[in-house]
Amino acid sequence: MAKIEIFPRPHGRVRRDDPEPSIAELLDDPVTHAVMRRDGVTRRDIVETIEVARLRLAARAAARASAVPDLCCA
C-alpha cells in the first residue's frame, strides 16, 4: 500500500474558518479515545481505513477521468 500523509501538517499556524474539527483533532480528543477503547478500535485502524478510502476514491476518479473523451475545439 502506498504511504500517503493523512493529516498534512501546515507550516505555521493556519486560521480555520470552518467550525468543524479536523479528523486529526477528533482523533486527539479524549472522548474519542474513550469510545475507541470501548469499541476496540485504534488510531492506526482509523488512519489505515482513511488511507484505503482515499486510494479507492483516487483510483475511481482517475478511471472516470480517463473514460471521458477529450473535447477539442480544433
PDB file of N, CA and C in Angstrom:
ATOM      1  N   MET A   1       0.850  -1.173   0.000  1.00  0.00           N
ATOM      2  CA  MET A   1       0.000   0.000   0.000  1.00  0.00           C
ATOM      3  C   MET A   1       0.897   1.237   0.000  1.00  0.00           C
ATOM      4  N   ALA A   2       0.560   2.171  -0.861  1.00  0.00           N
ATOM      5  CA  ALA A   2       1.329   3.415  -0.923  1.00  0.00           C
ATOM      6  C   ALA A   2       1.113   4.212   0.351  1.00  0.00           C
ATOM      7  N   LYS A   3       2.171   4.806   0.830  1.00  0.00           N
ATOM      8  CA  LYS A   3       2.069   5.609   2.045  1.00  0.00           C
ATOM      9  C   LYS A   3       1.706   7.032   1.665  1.00  0.00           C
ATOM     10  N   ILE A   4       0.588   7.492   2.161  1.00  0.00           N
ATOM     11  CA  ILE A   4       0.189   8.872   1.929  1.00  0.00           C
ATOM     12  C   ILE A   4       0.037   9.564   3.271  1.00  0.00           C
ATOM     13  N   GLU A   5       0.165  10.846   3.261  1.00  0.00           N
ATOM     14  CA  GLU A   5       0.044  11.599   4.504  1.00  0.00           C
ATOM     15  C   GLU A   5      -1.426  11.924   4.731  1.00  0.00           C
ATOM     16  N   ILE A   6      -1.981  11.346   5.798  1.00  0.00           N
ATOM     17  CA  ILE A   6      -3.398  11.517   6.087  1.00  0.00           C
ATOM     18  C   ILE A   6      -3.692  12.907   6.634  1.00  0.00           C
ATOM     19  N   PHE A   7      -2.859  13.352   7.520  1.00  0.00           N
ATOM     20  CA  PHE A   7      -3.110  14.630   8.181  1.00  0.00           C
ATOM     21  C   PHE A   7      -1.960  15.573   7.901  1.00  0.00           C
ATOM     22  N   PRO A   8      -1.952  16.192   6.715  1.00  0.00           N
ATOM     23  CA  PRO A   8      -0.840  17.098   6.417  1.00  0.00           C
ATOM     24  C   PRO A   8      -0.733  18.195   7.471  1.00  0.00           C
ATOM     25  N   ARG A   9       0.463  18.457   7.879  1.00  0.00           N
ATOM     26  CA  ARG A   9       0.710  19.488   8.881  1.00  0.00           C
ATOM     27  C   ARG A   9       1.103  20.775   8.163  1.00  0.00           C
ATOM     28  N   PRO A  10       0.251  21.788   8.228  1.00  0.00           N
ATOM     29  CA  PRO A  10       0.622  23.046   7.574  1.00  0.00           C
ATOM     30  C   PRO A  10       1.786  23.701   8.308  1.00  0.00           C
ATOM     31  N   HIS A  11       2.595  24.405   7.559  1.00  0.00           N
ATOM     32  CA  HIS A  11       3.707  25.125   8.163  1.00  0.00           C
ATOM     33  C   HIS A  11       3.161  26.413   8.767  1.00  0.00           C
ATOM     34  N   GLY A  12       3.465  26.627  10.024  1.00  0.00           N
ATOM     35  CA  GLY A  12       2.947  27.818  10.704  1.00  0.00           C
ATOM     36  C   GLY A  12       1.497  27.602  11.113  1.00  0.00           C
ATOM     37  N   ARG A  13       0.924  28.595  11.715  1.00  0.00           N
ATOM     38  CA  ARG A  13      -0.459  28.492  12.146  1.00  0.00           C
ATOM     39  C   ARG A  13      -1.379  28.919  11.019  1.00  0.00           C
ATOM     40  N   VAL A  14      -2.436  28.174  10.854  1.00  0.00           N
ATOM     41  CA  VAL A  14      -3.416  28.464   9.819  1.00  0.00           C
ATOM     42  C   VAL A  14      -4.737  28.763  10.509  1.00  0.00           C
ATOM     43  N   ARG A  15      -5.348  29.857  10.128  1.00  0.00           N
ATOM     44  CA  ARG A  15      -6.651  30.212  10.700  1.00  0.00           C
ATOM     45  C   ARG A  15      -7.714  29.454   9.930  1.00  0.00           C
ATOM     46  N   ARG A  16      -8.484  28.678  10.645  1.00  0.00           N
ATOM     47  CA  ARG A  16      -9.551  27.925  10.009  1.00  0.00           C
ATOM     48  C   ARG A  16     -10.871  28.630  10.233  1.00  0.00           C
ATOM     49  N   ASP A  17     -11.593  28.848   9.148  1.00  0.00           N
ATOM     50  CA  ASP A  17     -12.920  29.437   9.255  1.00  0.00           C
ATOM     51  C   ASP A  17     -13.991  28.372   9.434  1.00  0.00           C
ATOM     52  N   ASP A  18     -13.614  27.128   9.199  1.00  0.00           N
ATOM     53  CA  ASP A  18     -14.542  26.016   9.329  1.00  0.00           C
ATOM     54  C   ASP A  18     -14.707  25.678  10.809  1.00  0.00           C
ATOM     55  N   PRO A  19     -15.922  25.722  11.328  1.00  0.00           N
ATOM     56  CA  PRO A  19     -16.116  25.426  12.761  1.00  0.00           C
ATOM     57  C   PRO A  19     -15.989  23.940  13.086  1.00  0.00           C
ATOM     58  N   GLU A  20     -16.011  23.066  12.079  1.00  0.00           N
ATOM     59  CA  GLU A  20     -15.900  21.628  12.312  1.00  0.00           C
ATOM     60  C   GLU A  20     -14.453  21.251  12.607  1.00  0.00           C
ATOM     61  N   PRO A  21     -14.233  20.371  13.568  1.00  0.00           N
ATOM     62  CA  PRO A  21     -12.859  19.936  13.855  1.00  0.00           C
ATOM     63  C   PRO A  21     -12.326  19.047  12.731  1.00  0.00           C
ATOM     64  N   SER A  22     -11.026  19.040  12.571  1.00  0.00           N
ATOM     65  CA  SER A  22     -10.409  18.166  11.577  1.00  0.00           C
ATOM     66  C   SER A  22     -10.406  16.736  12.113  1.00  0.00           C
ATOM     67  N   ILE A  23     -10.126  15.781  11.244  1.00  0.00           N
ATOM     68  CA  ILE A  23     -10.044  14.387  11.674  1.00  0.00           C
ATOM     69  C   ILE A  23      -8.926  14.220  12.696  1.00  0.00           C
ATOM     70  N   ALA A  24      -7.810  14.901  12.453  1.00  0.00           N
ATOM     71  CA  ALA A  24      -6.691  14.817  13.399  1.00  0.00           C
ATOM     72  C   ALA A  24      -7.115  15.325  14.776  1.00  0.00           C
ATOM     73  N   GLU A  25      -7.861  16.435  14.811  1.00  0.00           N
ATOM     74  CA  GLU A  25      -8.331  16.976  16.094  1.00  0.00           C
ATOM     75  C   GLU A  25      -9.291  15.995  16.768  1.00  0.00           C
ATOM     76  N   LEU A  26     -10.163  15.375  15.987  1.00  0.00           N
ATOM     77  CA  LEU A  26     -11.095  14.407  16.557  1.00  0.00           C
ATOM     78  C   LEU A  26     -10.368  13.203  17.131  1.00  0.00           C
ATOM     79  N   LEU A  27      -9.339  12.744  16.420  1.00  0.00           N
ATOM     80  CA  LEU A  27      -8.602  11.572  16.893  1.00  0.00           C
ATOM     81  C   LEU A  27      -7.748  11.874  18.121  1.00  0.00           C
ATOM     82  N   ASP A  28      -7.497  13.143  18.378  1.00  0.00           N
ATOM     83  CA  ASP A  28      -6.739  13.532  19.562  1.00  0.00           C
ATOM     84  C   ASP A  28      -7.638  13.830  20.763  1.00  0.00           C
ATOM     85  N   ASP A  29      -8.944  13.797  20.551  1.00  0.00           N
ATOM     86  CA  ASP A  29      -9.903  14.155  21.598  1.00  0.00           C
ATOM     87  C   ASP A  29     -10.052  13.019  22.620  1.00  0.00           C
ATOM     88  N   PRO A  30     -10.044  13.344  23.913  1.00  0.00           N
ATOM     89  CA  PRO A  30     -10.175  12.306  24.953  1.00  0.00           C
ATOM     90  C   PRO A  30     -11.481  11.519  24.873  1.00  0.00           C
ATOM     91  N   VAL A  31     -12.562  12.159  24.452  1.00  0.00           N
ATOM     92  CA  VAL A  31     -13.837  11.445  24.323  1.00  0.00           C
ATOM     93  C   VAL A  31     -13.733  10.410  23.200  1.00  0.00           C
ATOM     94  N   THR A  32     -13.103  10.797  22.106  1.00  0.00           N
ATOM     95  CA  THR A  32     -12.888   9.863  21.002  1.00  0.00           C
ATOM     96  C   THR A  32     -12.044   8.687  21.472  1.00  0.00           C
ATOM     97  N   HIS A  33     -11.025   8.964  22.273  1.00  0.00           N
ATOM     98  CA  HIS A  33     -10.172   7.884  22.804  1.00  0.00           C
ATOM     99  C   HIS A  33     -11.004   6.903  23.625  1.00  0.00           C
ATOM    100  N   ALA A  34     -11.910   7.423  24.447  1.00  0.00           N
ATOM    101  CA  ALA A  34     -12.745   6.555  25.288  1.00  0.00           C
ATOM    102  C   ALA A  34     -13.651   5.674  24.425  1.00  0.00           C
ATOM    103  N   VAL A  35     -14.252   6.257  23.398  1.00  0.00           N
ATOM    104  CA  VAL A  35     -15.134   5.486  22.508  1.00  0.00           C
ATOM    105  C   VAL A  35     -14.325   4.438  21.738  1.00  0.00           C
ATOM    106  N   MET A  36     -13.145   4.826  21.277  1.00  0.00           N
ATOM    107  CA  MET A  36     -12.297   3.891  20.542  1.00  0.00           C
ATOM    108  C   MET A  36     -11.886   2.722  21.440  1.00  0.00           C
ATOM    109  N   ARG A  37     -11.530   3.009  22.693  1.00  0.00           N
ATOM    110  CA  ARG A  37     -11.168   1.934  23.631  1.00  0.00           C
ATOM    111  C   ARG A  37     -12.351   0.995  23.826  1.00  0.00           C
ATOM    112  N   ARG A  38     -13.535   1.580  24.028  1.00  0.00           N
ATOM    113  CA  ARG A  38     -14.733   0.768  24.238  1.00  0.00           C
ATOM    114  C   ARG A  38     -14.999  -0.137  23.040  1.00  0.00           C
ATOM    115  N   ASP A  39     -14.778   0.400  21.831  1.00  0.00           N
ATOM    116  CA  ASP A  39     -15.068  -0.335  20.602  1.00  0.00           C
ATOM    117  C   ASP A  39     -13.905  -1.209  20.126  1.00  0.00           C
ATOM    118  N   GLY A  40     -12.759  -1.114  20.797  1.00  0.00           N
ATOM    119  CA  GLY A  40     -11.611  -1.918  20.404  1.00  0.00           C
ATOM    120  C   GLY A  40     -10.983  -1.465  19.096  1.00  0.00           C
ATOM    121  N   VAL A  41     -11.045  -0.163  18.844  1.00  0.00           N
ATOM    122  CA  VAL A  41     -10.504   0.418  17.618  1.00  0.00           C
ATOM    123  C   VAL A  41      -9.300   1.273  17.982  1.00  0.00           C
ATOM    124  N   THR A  42      -8.252   1.184  17.184  1.00  0.00           N
ATOM    125  CA  THR A  42      -7.069   2.003  17.432  1.00  0.00           C
ATOM    126  C   THR A  42      -7.011   3.150  16.430  1.00  0.00           C
ATOM    127  N   ARG A  43      -6.186   4.116  16.759  1.00  0.00           N
ATOM    128  CA  ARG A  43      -5.977   5.237  15.841  1.00  0.00           C
ATOM    129  C   ARG A  43      -5.444   4.709  14.507  1.00  0.00           C
ATOM    130  N   ARG A  44      -4.550   3.735  14.591  1.00  0.00           N
ATOM    131  CA  ARG A  44      -3.986   3.149  13.377  1.00  0.00           C
ATOM    132  C   ARG A  44      -5.077   2.517  12.506  1.00  0.00           C
ATOM    133  N   ASP A  45      -6.036   1.836  13.116  1.00  0.00           N
ATOM    134  CA  ASP A  45      -7.155   1.260  12.363  1.00  0.00           C
ATOM    135  C   ASP A  45      -7.882   2.337  11.561  1.00  0.00           C
ATOM    136  N   ILE A  46      -8.145   3.443  12.206  1.00  0.00           N
ATOM    137  CA  ILE A  46      -8.884   4.523  11.552  1.00  0.00           C
ATOM    138  C   ILE A  46      -8.045   5.153  10.444  1.00  0.00           C
ATOM    139  N   VAL A  47      -6.786   5.417  10.723  1.00  0.00           N
ATOM    140  CA  VAL A  47      -5.907   6.027   9.722  1.00  0.00           C
ATOM    141  C   VAL A  47      -5.766   5.109   8.512  1.00  0.00           C
ATOM    142  N   GLU A  48      -5.605   3.815   8.734  1.00  0.00           N
ATOM    143  CA  GLU A  48      -5.494   2.867   7.621  1.00  0.00           C
ATOM    144  C   GLU A  48      -6.786   2.825   6.810  1.00  0.00           C
ATOM    145  N   THR A  49      -7.927   2.879   7.470  1.00  0.00           N
ATOM    146  CA  THR A  49      -9.210   2.886   6.767  1.00  0.00           C
ATOM    147  C   THR A  49      -9.335   4.135   5.901  1.00  0.00           C
ATOM    148  N   ILE A  50      -8.908   5.264   6.428  1.00  0.00           N
ATOM    149  CA  ILE A  50      -8.949   6.510   5.659  1.00  0.00           C
ATOM    150  C   ILE A  50      -8.008   6.414   4.460  1.00  0.00           C
ATOM    151  N   GLU A  51      -6.823   5.844   4.652  1.00  0.00           N
ATOM    152  CA  GLU A  51      -5.866   5.672   3.542  1.00  0.00           C
ATOM    153  C   GLU A  51      -6.481   4.837   2.433  1.00  0.00           C
ATOM    154  N   VAL A  52      -7.086   3.716   2.792  1.00  0.00           N
ATOM    155  CA  VAL A  52      -7.699   2.828   1.801  1.00  0.00           C
ATOM    156  C   VAL A  52      -8.815   3.559   1.063  1.00  0.00           C
ATOM    157  N   ALA A  53      -9.648   4.278   1.800  1.00  0.00           N
ATOM    158  CA  ALA A  53     -10.748   5.016   1.162  1.00  0.00           C
ATOM    159  C   ALA A  53     -10.222   6.073   0.206  1.00  0.00           C
ATOM    160  N   ARG A  54      -9.200   6.810   0.607  1.00  0.00           N
ATOM    161  CA  ARG A  54      -8.626   7.840  -0.279  1.00  0.00           C
ATOM    162  C   ARG A  54      -8.037   7.219  -1.539  1.00  0.00           C
ATOM    163  N   LEU A  55      -7.334   6.107  -1.384  1.00  0.00           N
ATOM    164  CA  LEU A  55      -6.755   5.449  -2.551  1.00  0.00           C
ATOM    165  C   LEU A  55      -7.848   4.947  -3.494  1.00  0.00           C
ATOM    166  N   ARG A  56      -8.915   4.384  -2.941  1.00  0.00           N
ATOM    167  CA  ARG A  56     -10.027   3.916  -3.781  1.00  0.00           C
ATOM    168  C   ARG A  56     -10.704   5.082  -4.498  1.00  0.00           C
ATOM    169  N   LEU A  57     -10.918   6.175  -3.782  1.00  0.00           N
ATOM    170  CA  LEU A  57     -11.535   7.341  -4.413  1.00  0.00           C
ATOM    171  C   LEU A  57     -10.646   7.921  -5.504  1.00  0.00           C
ATOM    172  N   ALA A  58      -9.345   7.955  -5.254  1.00  0.00           N
ATOM    173  CA  ALA A  58      -8.411   8.475  -6.258  1.00  0.00           C
ATOM    174  C   ALA A  58      -8.414   7.574  -7.496  1.00  0.00           C
ATOM    175  N   ALA A  59      -8.439   6.256  -7.297  1.00  0.00           N
ATOM    176  CA  ALA A  59      -8.463   5.322  -8.423  1.00  0.00           C
ATOM    177  C   ALA A  59      -9.760   5.473  -9.206  1.00  0.00           C
ATOM    178  N   ARG A  60     -10.859   5.640  -8.499  1.00  0.00           N
ATOM    179  CA  ARG A  60     -12.155   5.812  -9.165  1.00  0.00           C
ATOM    180  C   ARG A  60     -12.181   7.110  -9.959  1.00  0.00           C
ATOM    181  N   ALA A  61     -11.645   8.182  -9.389  1.00  0.00           N
ATOM    182  CA  ALA A  61     -11.606   9.469 -10.089  1.00  0.00           C
ATOM    183  C   ALA A  61     -10.711   9.383 -11.318  1.00  0.00           C
ATOM    184  N   ALA A  62      -9.584   8.686 -11.203  1.00  0.00           N
ATOM    185  CA  ALA A  62      -8.677   8.528 -12.336  1.00  0.00           C
ATOM    186  C   ALA A  62      -9.345   7.715 -13.445  1.00  0.00           C
ATOM    187  N   ALA A  63     -10.085   6.685 -13.070  1.00  0.00           N
ATOM    188  CA  ALA A  63     -10.775   5.863 -14.062  1.00  0.00           C
ATOM    189  C   ALA A  63     -11.834   6.677 -14.787  1.00  0.00           C
ATOM    190  N   ARG A  64     -12.570   7.502 -14.033  1.00  0.00           N
ATOM    191  CA  ARG A  64     -13.582   8.356 -14.665  1.00  0.00           C
ATOM    192  C   ARG A  64     -12.951   9.371 -15.592  1.00  0.00           C
ATOM    193  N   ALA A  65     -11.837   9.946 -15.167  1.00  0.00           N
ATOM    194  CA  ALA A  65     -11.163  10.966 -15.980  1.00  0.00           C
ATOM    195  C   ALA A  65     -10.657  10.358 -17.282  1.00  0.00           C
ATOM    196  N   SER A  66     -10.170   9.132 -17.228  1.00  0.00           N
ATOM    197  CA  SER A  66      -9.649   8.527 -18.450  1.00  0.00           C
ATOM    198  C   SER A  66     -10.780   8.049 -19.355  1.00  0.00           C
ATOM    199  N   ALA A  67     -11.983   7.858 -18.821  1.00  0.00           N
ATOM    200  CA  ALA A  67     -13.122   7.403 -19.616  1.00  0.00           C
ATOM    201  C   ALA A  67     -13.795   8.568 -20.350  1.00  0.00           C
ATOM    202  N   VAL A  68     -13.549   9.789 -19.929  1.00  0.00           N
ATOM    203  CA  VAL A  68     -14.176  10.944 -20.566  1.00  0.00           C
ATOM    204  C   VAL A  68     -13.363  11.308 -21.798  1.00  0.00           C
ATOM    205  N   PRO A  69     -14.026  11.375 -22.960  1.00  0.00           N
ATOM    206  CA  PRO A  69     -13.272  11.733 -24.156  1.00  0.00           C
ATOM    207  C   PRO A  69     -12.785  13.167 -24.087  1.00  0.00           C
ATOM    208  N   ASP A  70     -11.613  13.383 -24.671  1.00  0.00           N
ATOM    209  CA  ASP A  70     -11.072  14.733 -24.729  1.00  0.00           C
ATOM    210  C   ASP A  70     -11.914  15.570 -25.671  1.00  0.00           C
ATOM    211  N   LEU A  71     -12.271  16.756 -25.244  1.00  0.00           N
ATOM    212  CA  LEU A  71     -13.016  17.678 -26.090  1.00  0.00           C
ATOM    213  C   LEU A  71     -12.021  18.631 -26.721  1.00  0.00           C
ATOM    214  N   CYS A  72     -12.157  18.798 -27.985  1.00  0.00           N
ATOM    215  CA  CYS A  72     -11.202  19.628 -28.694  1.00  0.00           C
ATOM    216  C   CYS A  72     -11.942  20.664 -29.529  1.00  0.00           C
ATOM    217  N   CYS A  73     -11.419  21.830 -29.555  1.00  0.00           N
ATOM    218  CA  CYS A  73     -12.047  22.913 -30.307  1.00  0.00           C
ATOM    219  C   CYS A  73     -11.404  23.090 -31.693  1.00  0.00           C
ATOM    220  N   ALA A  74     -10.559  22.193 -32.099  1.00  0.00           N
ATOM    221  CA  ALA A  74      -9.834  22.339 -33.362  1.00  0.00           C
ATOM    222  C   ALA A  74     -10.711  22.102 -34.555  1.00  0.00           C
TER     223      ALA A  74
END
